[in-house]
Amino acid sequence: MEMKKGLKIATIGGGSSYTPELIEGFIKRYDELPIRELWLVDIEAGKEKLEIVGTLAKRMVEKAGLPMEVHLTLDRRQALQDADFVTTQMRVGLLDARIKDERIPLELGLIGQETNGAGGLSKALRTIPILLEIAEEMEELCPDAWLINFTNPAGMVTEALLRYSKHKKVIGVCNVPFNMHMSISSMLGVDMKRVHIDFAGLNHMVFGMHVFVDNQEVTDKVLEMLGNPEIQLTMKNIAPLAWNRRFLKSLGVVPCPYHRYYYKTKTILEEELEAFKSGKTRAEIVKKLEEGLFDLYKDETLDIKPPQLEQRGGAYYSDAACNVISSIYNDKKDIQVLNVQNKGSLTDIDYDSAVEVSCIVTKNGPIPMAMGKLPVQVHGLIQQIKSFERIGAEAAVTGSYDKALLALTINPLIPSDDLAEMVLQKLLKAHEEYLPRFFSESAVPNIK
């Protein structure tokens, strides 16, 4: 893969508010990751944001004094031509679509969240067809390039790409394991390099199976500490609800922040409904945060990633992408937590399915580490979410209303098939312009 003139990287969704973090990551790794060209790509609706954030990116590169060319374009094929790596950070329908994904379920008394439950499926139905188009174009224009996806819901997106695309060089990245690693290290008062965590599960459904400090297991100590209400392992976009100490001890593995949606459903829903009534869903908060970020990005004197970006729930996503790209390019053989094809890592998940596990990252891509059998206490929930992902991905690819309904009814955050149908009807209607497969002449006419 090494090239005398350096690498070409294409970023789809280049107008994202996260792009400055991606630029910062490439700048600080330039000695080991010599990027010749960085192409930031967006669509017509994102043109203004692309120009704002792209101009900031150029100022950042200029300040660093690096020979990296930053190109801004609406021509995806031009950006993909002969790329070495492609990163994707898209939001089909922009933040207004996310607001609908959160508010519509809440109108029916269901959890509204952009990657979990009804909102997560809705986002996947809009997103997966576009990612498959990108993968198809990559197979034609840059067949040797790795697709590094951090578009949510990353687990279902990775599942769809692995099952329905010819382009198999696909990796899903997420900031949740990184945040857990960082938070647990801080909680223990030790440097991250001394802490190792075996991660296993699915995206936003991953568990820390074992925690080690200097090769000594400290999982029980971590669980005991997490049972203290004064200590919280969470993220900006998830309420810091305290865990039940006895529950954690019985669970025996470290839950991720998103597990609150499944183990504290009633409390989470009550808090979301209160926010909904006051017009302050997470999506609406994020939209306001993003407006503030882009006001900052317009400042012609700004030439660094502003610290305010870390208020977004996805902070460190981009850094995770930079890490995996550098590790592949440099054959580092280090350990990272990634969404990849299972290949026997978890013995009770299908070989071909996408899982989120600790991997050794080589020049040939990530190799999932053998994690064995899932503990019985988490096996059922993980299997249920994997069924949801598999059937939801199929619905997105085929435009099958019945598959979409089945996926929602399987999901543990949807308590009945009647509610599943109600929320599905509303979400499909709300996003009709982004769901041509569900509204084509050949689609099953179930949308009332």
Protein backbone atom coordinates (compact mmCIF):
# COMPACT_ATOMS: atom_id res chain seq x y z
CA MET A 1 0.00 0.00 0.00
CA GLU A 2 2.95 2.36 0.60
CA MET A 3 3.28 5.02 -2.06
CA LYS A 4 6.22 7.34 -2.76
CA LYS A 5 3.96 10.37 -2.96
CA GLY A 6 1.85 9.49 0.06
CA LEU A 7 -1.74 8.43 0.63
CA LYS A 8 -5.06 9.55 -0.73
CA ILE A 9 -7.94 9.52 1.75
CA ALA A 10 -11.57 10.31 0.94
CA THR A 11 -13.98 11.31 3.69
CA ILE A 12 -17.67 10.98 2.81
CA GLY A 13 -19.66 13.44 4.89
CA GLY A 14 -16.73 15.85 4.96
CA GLY A 15 -18.99 18.70 6.08
CA SER A 16 -19.55 17.00 9.43
CA SER A 17 -18.85 18.93 12.63
CA TYR A 18 -16.50 16.06 13.56
CA THR A 19 -14.15 16.73 10.63
CA PRO A 20 -11.76 19.01 12.61
CA GLU A 21 -11.08 16.08 14.94
CA LEU A 22 -10.27 13.91 11.92
CA ILE A 23 -7.91 16.58 10.58
CA GLU A 24 -6.23 16.91 13.98
CA GLY A 25 -5.78 13.14 14.07
CA PHE A 26 -4.15 13.07 10.64
CA ILE A 27 -1.90 16.03 11.48
CA LYS A 28 -0.53 14.53 14.69
CA ARG A 29 0.13 11.21 12.91
CA TYR A 30 1.64 12.67 9.76
CA ASP A 31 5.12 11.24 10.45
CA GLU A 32 3.68 7.73 10.34
CA LEU A 33 0.74 8.42 8.01
CA PRO A 34 1.94 10.60 5.10
CA ILE A 35 -1.28 11.82 3.51
CA ARG A 36 -0.79 13.45 0.13
CA GLU A 37 -4.44 14.22 -0.58
CA LEU A 38 -7.45 14.45 1.70
CA TRP A 39 -10.75 14.74 -0.13
CA LEU A 40 -13.73 16.01 1.87
CA VAL A 41 -16.96 15.04 0.10
CA ASP A 42 -20.54 16.07 0.75
CA ILE A 43 -23.86 16.53 -1.03
CA GLU A 44 -25.53 19.71 -2.25
CA ALA A 45 -27.54 20.07 0.99
CA GLY A 46 -24.28 20.00 2.95
CA LYS A 47 -22.33 22.33 0.64
CA GLU A 48 -22.28 25.32 3.00
CA LYS A 49 -21.07 23.25 5.95
CA LEU A 50 -18.47 21.56 3.74
CA GLU A 51 -17.05 24.93 2.72
CA ILE A 52 -16.97 26.18 6.32
CA VAL A 53 -15.36 23.12 7.86
CA GLY A 54 -13.17 22.51 4.79
CA THR A 55 -11.72 26.01 5.02
CA LEU A 56 -10.97 25.38 8.71
CA ALA A 57 -9.30 22.09 7.74
CA LYS A 58 -7.04 23.95 5.29
CA ARG A 59 -6.08 26.48 8.00
CA MET A 60 -5.24 23.64 10.38
CA VAL A 61 -3.01 21.92 7.78
CA GLU A 62 -1.36 25.23 6.88
CA LYS A 63 -0.61 25.95 10.54
CA ALA A 64 0.97 22.50 10.86
CA GLY A 65 3.14 23.23 7.82
CA LEU A 66 2.35 19.92 6.14
CA PRO A 67 2.34 19.14 2.39
CA MET A 68 -1.20 17.75 2.60
CA GLU A 69 -3.66 18.89 -0.05
CA VAL A 70 -7.23 19.33 1.19
CA HIS A 71 -9.83 19.11 -1.58
CA LEU A 72 -13.52 19.97 -1.18
CA THR A 73 -15.96 18.40 -3.61
CA LEU A 74 -19.52 17.29 -4.26
CA ASP A 75 -18.19 14.73 -6.77
CA ARG A 76 -17.94 11.48 -4.83
CA ARG A 77 -16.50 9.47 -7.71
CA GLN A 78 -13.65 11.92 -8.18
CA ALA A 79 -12.83 11.65 -4.48
CA LEU A 80 -12.96 7.84 -4.52
CA GLN A 81 -10.78 7.38 -7.61
CA ASP A 82 -7.58 5.56 -6.51
CA ALA A 83 -8.17 6.31 -2.81
CA ASP A 84 -6.20 4.26 -0.29
CA PHE A 85 -8.72 4.66 2.53
CA VAL A 86 -12.31 5.87 2.62
CA THR A 87 -13.99 7.09 5.80
CA THR A 88 -17.73 7.62 6.11
CA GLN A 89 -19.42 9.95 8.62
CA MET A 90 -22.79 10.62 7.05
CA ARG A 91 -26.18 11.64 8.35
CA VAL A 92 -28.86 11.08 5.71
CA GLY A 93 -31.47 13.78 6.22
CA LEU A 94 -29.14 15.83 8.44
CA LEU A 95 -30.01 16.64 12.06
CA ASP A 96 -33.64 17.37 11.25
CA ALA A 97 -34.02 13.67 10.44
CA ARG A 98 -32.47 12.76 13.79
CA ILE A 99 -34.97 15.01 15.55
CA LYS A 100 -37.79 13.06 13.90
CA ASP A 101 -36.14 9.75 14.84
CA GLU A 102 -36.20 10.81 18.49
CA ARG A 103 -39.48 12.70 18.72
CA ILE A 104 -41.75 10.30 16.80
CA PRO A 105 -41.10 7.29 19.10
CA LEU A 106 -41.49 9.54 22.14
CA GLU A 107 -44.91 10.66 20.87
CA LEU A 108 -45.93 7.01 21.28
CA GLY A 109 -44.28 6.58 24.68
CA LEU A 110 -41.22 4.77 23.28
CA ILE A 111 -37.55 5.54 23.79
CA GLY A 112 -36.33 7.95 21.14
CA GLN A 113 -32.62 7.49 20.39
CA GLU A 114 -30.63 7.73 17.18
CA THR A 115 -28.98 4.29 17.31
CA ASN A 116 -31.21 2.21 19.58
CA GLY A 117 -34.77 1.01 19.12
CA ALA A 118 -37.10 2.58 16.57
CA GLY A 119 -34.88 5.60 15.91
CA GLY A 120 -31.90 3.36 15.25
CA LEU A 121 -33.79 1.28 12.70
CA SER A 122 -35.12 4.42 11.02
CA LYS A 123 -31.61 5.81 10.62
CA ALA A 124 -30.39 2.45 9.28
CA LEU A 125 -33.15 2.25 6.66
CA ARG A 126 -32.04 5.63 5.25
CA THR A 127 -28.32 5.03 5.59
CA ILE A 128 -27.59 1.46 4.48
CA PRO A 129 -28.60 1.88 0.80
CA ILE A 130 -26.26 4.88 0.48
CA LEU A 131 -23.35 3.02 2.10
CA LEU A 132 -23.92 0.11 -0.28
CA GLU A 133 -23.75 2.53 -3.22
CA ILE A 134 -20.45 3.87 -1.89
CA ALA A 135 -19.08 0.34 -1.46
CA GLU A 136 -20.10 -0.50 -5.04
CA GLU A 137 -18.30 2.60 -6.33
CA MET A 138 -15.23 1.66 -4.28
CA GLU A 139 -15.18 -1.78 -5.88
CA GLU A 140 -14.94 0.00 -9.23
CA LEU A 141 -12.74 3.00 -8.40
CA CYS A 142 -10.52 1.93 -5.47
CA PRO A 143 -10.95 -1.84 -4.95
CA ASP A 144 -7.94 -2.11 -2.62
CA ALA A 145 -9.11 0.66 -0.28
CA TRP A 146 -10.43 0.01 3.21
CA LEU A 147 -13.83 1.46 4.07
CA ILE A 148 -13.68 2.82 7.62
CA ASN A 149 -17.25 3.54 8.69
CA PHE A 150 -18.30 5.53 11.71
CA THR A 151 -21.79 6.32 10.45
CA ASN A 152 -24.37 5.09 12.96
CA PRO A 153 -25.91 2.67 13.64
CA ALA A 154 -22.43 1.28 13.00
CA GLY A 155 -23.27 -2.32 13.93
CA MET A 156 -26.21 -2.68 11.54
CA VAL A 157 -24.37 -0.75 8.83
CA THR A 158 -21.34 -3.03 9.11
CA GLU A 159 -23.65 -6.06 9.08
CA ALA A 160 -25.26 -4.86 5.84
CA LEU A 161 -21.95 -4.05 4.15
CA LEU A 162 -20.47 -7.45 5.00
CA ARG A 163 -23.58 -9.33 3.83
CA TYR A 164 -24.73 -7.38 0.79
CA SER A 165 -21.64 -5.71 -0.68
CA LYS A 166 -18.95 -7.20 -2.89
CA HIS A 167 -16.46 -4.89 -1.22
CA LYS A 168 -15.41 -6.79 1.91
CA LYS A 169 -12.64 -4.50 3.13
CA VAL A 170 -15.00 -2.94 5.67
CA ILE A 171 -14.39 -1.89 9.27
CA GLY A 172 -16.83 -0.20 11.64
CA VAL A 173 -15.40 2.05 14.34
CA CYS A 174 -17.02 3.41 17.48
CA ASN A 175 -15.91 5.72 20.28
CA VAL A 176 -17.67 3.76 23.05
CA PRO A 177 -14.88 1.22 23.79
CA PHE A 178 -12.28 4.01 23.64
CA ASN A 179 -14.31 6.12 26.10
CA MET A 180 -14.73 3.12 28.40
CA HIS A 181 -10.98 2.41 28.29
CA MET A 182 -10.18 6.07 29.01
CA SER A 183 -12.77 6.38 31.80
CA ILE A 184 -11.79 3.14 33.53
CA SER A 185 -8.10 4.08 33.39
CA SER A 186 -8.90 7.46 34.93
CA MET A 187 -11.10 5.82 37.56
CA LEU A 188 -8.23 3.49 38.50
CA GLY A 189 -5.74 6.34 38.45
CA VAL A 190 -3.38 4.68 35.97
CA ASP A 191 -2.16 5.45 32.46
CA MET A 192 -4.28 3.99 29.63
CA LYS A 193 -1.25 2.11 28.31
CA ARG A 194 -1.19 0.01 31.50
CA VAL A 195 -4.87 -0.97 31.16
CA HIS A 196 -6.11 -3.71 28.84
CA ILE A 197 -9.78 -4.61 28.42
CA ASP A 198 -11.11 -7.61 26.50
CA PHE A 199 -14.17 -6.28 24.69
CA ALA A 200 -16.86 -8.49 23.16
CA GLY A 201 -20.39 -8.05 21.90
CA LEU A 202 -22.01 -5.77 19.33
CA ASN A 203 -21.90 -2.07 18.57
CA HIS A 204 -23.49 -0.15 21.47
CA MET A 205 -23.97 -3.58 23.02
CA VAL A 206 -20.35 -4.30 23.91
CA PHE A 207 -19.13 -5.52 27.30
CA GLY A 208 -15.76 -5.32 28.98
CA MET A 209 -15.29 -9.02 29.68
CA HIS A 210 -12.01 -8.68 31.58
CA VAL A 211 -10.07 -5.64 32.80
CA PHE A 212 -6.33 -5.89 33.44
CA VAL A 213 -3.77 -3.49 34.89
CA ASP A 214 -0.19 -4.58 34.22
CA ASN A 215 -1.56 -8.05 33.31
CA GLN A 216 -3.32 -8.40 36.69
CA GLU A 217 -7.10 -8.80 36.42
CA VAL A 218 -9.06 -6.08 38.22
CA THR A 219 -12.55 -6.66 36.80
CA ASP A 220 -14.17 -7.18 40.22
CA LYS A 221 -12.54 -4.00 41.52
CA VAL A 222 -13.83 -2.02 38.54
CA LEU A 223 -17.36 -3.36 39.02
CA GLU A 224 -17.23 -2.50 42.71
CA MET A 225 -16.14 1.05 41.87
CA LEU A 226 -18.85 1.43 39.22
CA GLY A 227 -21.41 0.49 41.86
CA ASN A 228 -20.55 3.74 43.66
CA PRO A 229 -23.12 6.40 42.64
CA GLU A 230 -20.37 9.02 42.79
CA ILE A 231 -18.49 7.28 39.95
CA GLN A 232 -20.11 7.28 36.54
CA LEU A 233 -19.03 5.59 33.32
CA THR A 234 -21.12 7.36 30.71
CA MET A 235 -21.02 9.71 27.71
CA LYS A 236 -22.27 13.20 26.87
CA ASN A 237 -25.40 11.84 25.17
CA ILE A 238 -26.47 9.34 27.86
CA ALA A 239 -27.91 10.19 31.29
CA PRO A 240 -25.42 9.34 34.09
CA LEU A 241 -27.77 6.98 35.92
CA ALA A 242 -26.12 5.07 38.76
CA TRP A 243 -25.87 1.29 38.49
CA ASN A 244 -27.21 -1.06 41.17
CA ARG A 245 -24.12 -2.38 42.96
CA ARG A 246 -25.49 -5.90 43.46
CA PHE A 247 -26.64 -6.09 39.84
CA LEU A 248 -23.16 -5.18 38.58
CA LYS A 249 -21.52 -7.73 40.84
CA SER A 250 -23.89 -10.44 39.58
CA LEU A 251 -23.43 -9.36 35.96
CA GLY A 252 -19.70 -9.95 36.30
CA VAL A 253 -18.76 -7.98 33.16
CA VAL A 254 -18.54 -4.23 32.56
CA PRO A 255 -21.57 -2.80 30.71
CA CYS A 256 -21.17 0.05 28.25
CA PRO A 257 -23.09 3.33 28.72
CA TYR A 258 -25.70 2.30 26.13
CA HIS A 259 -26.73 -0.68 28.27
CA ARG A 260 -28.69 1.77 30.39
CA TYR A 261 -31.31 1.71 27.62
CA TYR A 262 -31.85 -2.00 28.25
CA TYR A 263 -31.22 -2.35 31.99
CA LYS A 264 -32.80 0.98 33.01
CA THR A 265 -35.46 1.32 30.32
CA LYS A 266 -38.21 2.77 32.51
CA THR A 267 -36.01 5.47 34.05
CA ILE A 268 -34.42 6.43 30.72
CA LEU A 269 -37.85 6.68 29.10
CA GLU A 270 -39.21 8.86 31.91
CA GLU A 271 -36.27 11.25 31.57
CA GLU A 272 -36.60 11.36 27.78
CA LEU A 273 -40.32 12.09 28.01
CA GLU A 274 -39.64 15.01 30.35
CA ALA A 275 -37.07 16.38 27.90
CA PHE A 276 -39.48 15.78 25.01
CA LYS A 277 -42.22 17.80 26.68
CA SER A 278 -39.85 20.72 27.18
CA GLY A 279 -38.59 20.53 23.59
CA LYS A 280 -35.08 19.52 24.61
CA THR A 281 -34.49 16.06 23.16
CA ARG A 282 -30.84 15.13 22.67
CA ALA A 283 -31.19 15.74 18.93
CA GLU A 284 -32.39 19.29 19.52
CA ILE A 285 -29.54 19.92 21.97
CA VAL A 286 -27.07 18.57 19.41
CA LYS A 287 -28.50 20.80 16.69
CA LYS A 288 -27.92 23.84 18.88
CA LEU A 289 -24.42 22.64 19.77
CA GLU A 290 -23.64 22.15 16.10
CA GLU A 291 -24.87 25.63 15.19
CA GLY A 292 -22.48 27.00 17.80
CA LEU A 293 -19.62 24.89 16.46
CA PHE A 294 -20.11 26.10 12.90
CA ASP A 295 -20.17 29.70 14.15
CA LEU A 296 -16.76 28.97 15.68
CA TYR A 297 -15.53 27.27 12.51
CA LYS A 298 -16.33 30.43 10.50
CA ASP A 299 -13.77 32.41 12.51
CA GLU A 300 -10.90 32.99 10.10
CA THR A 301 -8.42 33.11 12.99
CA LEU A 302 -9.37 29.63 14.21
CA ASP A 303 -6.79 27.04 13.12
CA ILE A 304 -7.21 24.27 15.70
CA LYS A 305 -9.95 21.85 16.72
CA PRO A 306 -12.03 23.83 19.24
CA PRO A 307 -12.44 22.15 22.66
CA GLN A 308 -16.22 22.67 22.43
CA LEU A 309 -16.35 19.78 19.93
CA GLU A 310 -15.91 17.35 22.82
CA GLN A 311 -19.41 18.27 24.02
CA ARG A 312 -20.75 16.18 21.15
CA GLY A 313 -21.57 12.58 22.12
CA GLY A 314 -19.36 11.26 19.32
CA ALA A 315 -16.12 12.83 20.54
CA TYR A 316 -13.12 10.59 19.68
CA TYR A 317 -14.91 8.82 16.80
CA SER A 318 -12.56 10.42 14.31
CA ASP A 319 -9.50 9.65 16.41
CA ALA A 320 -10.53 6.00 16.44
CA ALA A 321 -10.66 6.06 12.64
CA CYS A 322 -7.19 7.62 12.44
CA ASN A 323 -5.85 4.91 14.74
CA VAL A 324 -7.08 2.02 12.61
CA ILE A 325 -5.87 3.61 9.36
CA SER A 326 -2.40 4.15 10.80
CA SER A 327 -2.26 0.63 12.22
CA ILE A 328 -3.14 -0.92 8.84
CA TYR A 329 -0.72 1.30 6.94
CA ASN A 330 2.13 0.64 9.39
CA ASP A 331 1.29 -3.01 10.15
CA LYS A 332 1.36 -2.16 13.87
CA LYS A 333 -0.27 -5.35 15.11
CA ASP A 334 -1.73 -3.42 18.02
CA ILE A 335 -5.09 -4.16 19.65
CA GLN A 336 -8.16 -2.08 18.84
CA VAL A 337 -11.89 -2.65 19.37
CA LEU A 338 -13.61 -2.75 15.99
CA ASN A 339 -16.76 -3.86 14.20
CA VAL A 340 -15.66 -6.69 11.93
CA GLN A 341 -16.80 -10.03 10.57
CA ASN A 342 -16.94 -12.46 13.50
CA LYS A 343 -14.91 -15.30 11.92
CA GLY A 344 -15.30 -17.44 15.04
CA SER A 345 -14.25 -14.82 17.58
CA LEU A 346 -17.54 -15.31 19.43
CA THR A 347 -18.44 -18.96 19.10
CA ASP A 348 -22.18 -18.46 19.60
CA ILE A 349 -22.55 -15.75 16.91
CA ASP A 350 -22.67 -16.67 13.20
CA TYR A 351 -19.28 -16.74 11.50
CA ASP A 352 -20.39 -14.16 8.90
CA SER A 353 -22.05 -11.69 11.27
CA ALA A 354 -20.64 -8.34 12.35
CA VAL A 355 -19.43 -8.19 15.95
CA GLU A 356 -17.56 -5.62 18.04
CA VAL A 357 -14.51 -7.26 19.56
CA SER A 358 -10.85 -6.68 20.36
CA CYS A 359 -8.79 -7.15 17.19
CA ILE A 360 -5.13 -7.27 16.22
CA VAL A 361 -4.69 -4.72 13.42
CA THR A 362 -2.27 -5.72 10.68
CA LYS A 363 -1.40 -4.56 7.16
CA ASN A 364 -4.04 -7.03 5.94
CA GLY A 365 -6.68 -5.55 8.20
CA PRO A 366 -8.04 -6.45 11.64
CA ILE A 367 -7.91 -10.01 12.95
CA PRO A 368 -10.63 -10.58 15.59
CA MET A 369 -9.25 -12.14 18.76
CA ALA A 370 -10.73 -15.37 20.06
CA MET A 371 -13.26 -14.41 22.74
CA GLY A 372 -14.99 -17.77 23.02
CA LYS A 373 -18.51 -18.23 24.30
CA LEU A 374 -20.59 -15.32 25.54
CA PRO A 375 -21.41 -15.45 29.28
CA VAL A 376 -24.91 -16.78 29.81
CA GLN A 377 -26.00 -13.59 31.60
CA VAL A 378 -25.46 -11.46 28.46
CA HIS A 379 -25.86 -14.08 25.75
CA GLY A 380 -29.62 -13.65 25.32
CA LEU A 381 -29.62 -9.85 25.02
CA ILE A 382 -26.76 -9.88 22.52
CA GLN A 383 -28.48 -12.54 20.41
CA GLN A 384 -31.72 -10.54 20.44
CA ILE A 385 -29.97 -7.39 19.22
CA LYS A 386 -28.08 -9.39 16.58
CA SER A 387 -31.41 -10.69 15.26
CA PHE A 388 -32.67 -7.10 15.17
CA GLU A 389 -29.56 -6.01 13.23
CA ARG A 390 -29.72 -8.87 10.75
CA ILE A 391 -33.41 -8.42 9.92
CA GLY A 392 -33.18 -4.62 10.00
CA ALA A 393 -30.32 -4.72 7.49
CA GLU A 394 -32.36 -7.00 5.24
CA ALA A 395 -35.28 -4.57 5.44
CA ALA A 396 -33.04 -1.67 4.42
CA VAL A 397 -31.65 -3.57 1.44
CA THR A 398 -34.96 -4.96 0.18
CA GLY A 399 -37.38 -2.19 1.19
CA SER A 400 -39.51 -4.83 2.90
CA TYR A 401 -42.11 -3.32 5.21
CA ASP A 402 -42.72 -6.72 6.81
CA LYS A 403 -39.02 -7.21 7.61
CA ALA A 404 -38.85 -3.72 9.11
CA LEU A 405 -41.89 -4.50 11.26
CA LEU A 406 -40.37 -7.81 12.34
CA ALA A 407 -37.07 -6.14 13.27
CA LEU A 408 -38.83 -3.57 15.44
CA THR A 409 -40.99 -6.15 17.16
CA ILE A 410 -37.89 -8.19 18.02
CA ASN A 411 -36.18 -5.19 19.58
CA PRO A 412 -36.47 -5.24 23.40
CA LEU A 413 -37.17 -1.48 23.52
CA ILE A 414 -40.46 -1.99 21.61
CA PRO A 415 -42.97 -3.66 23.96
CA SER A 416 -45.63 -4.79 21.45
CA ASP A 417 -46.20 -5.53 17.76
CA ASP A 418 -48.99 -2.93 17.64
CA LEU A 419 -46.67 -0.18 18.85
CA ALA A 420 -44.01 -1.42 16.44
CA GLU A 421 -46.41 -0.96 13.54
CA MET A 422 -47.55 2.45 14.71
CA VAL A 423 -44.05 3.84 15.06
CA LEU A 424 -42.90 2.24 11.81
CA GLN A 425 -45.78 3.85 9.89
CA LYS A 426 -44.98 7.26 11.31
CA LEU A 427 -41.23 7.03 10.73
CA LEU A 428 -41.58 5.80 7.16
CA LYS A 429 -43.98 8.62 6.30
CA ALA A 430 -41.74 11.20 7.98
CA HIS A 431 -38.71 10.11 5.96
CA GLU A 432 -40.40 9.15 2.68
CA GLU A 433 -38.03 11.22 0.53
CA TYR A 434 -35.06 9.16 1.79
CA LEU A 435 -36.75 5.75 1.52
CA PRO A 436 -37.40 5.09 -2.18
CA ARG A 437 -37.26 1.31 -1.73
CA PHE A 438 -40.24 1.42 0.61
CA PHE A 439 -42.30 3.68 -1.63
CA SER A 440 -41.53 2.31 -5.10
CA GLU A 441 -44.27 0.78 -7.27
CA SER A 442 -43.00 -2.69 -6.42
CA ALA A 443 -43.00 -2.09 -2.66
CA VAL A 444 -45.57 -3.92 -0.55
CA PRO A 445 -48.39 -1.36 -0.08
CA ASN A 446 -48.65 -1.55 3.70
CA ILE A 447 -47.91 2.07 4.52
CA LYS A 448 -51.24 3.60 5.43
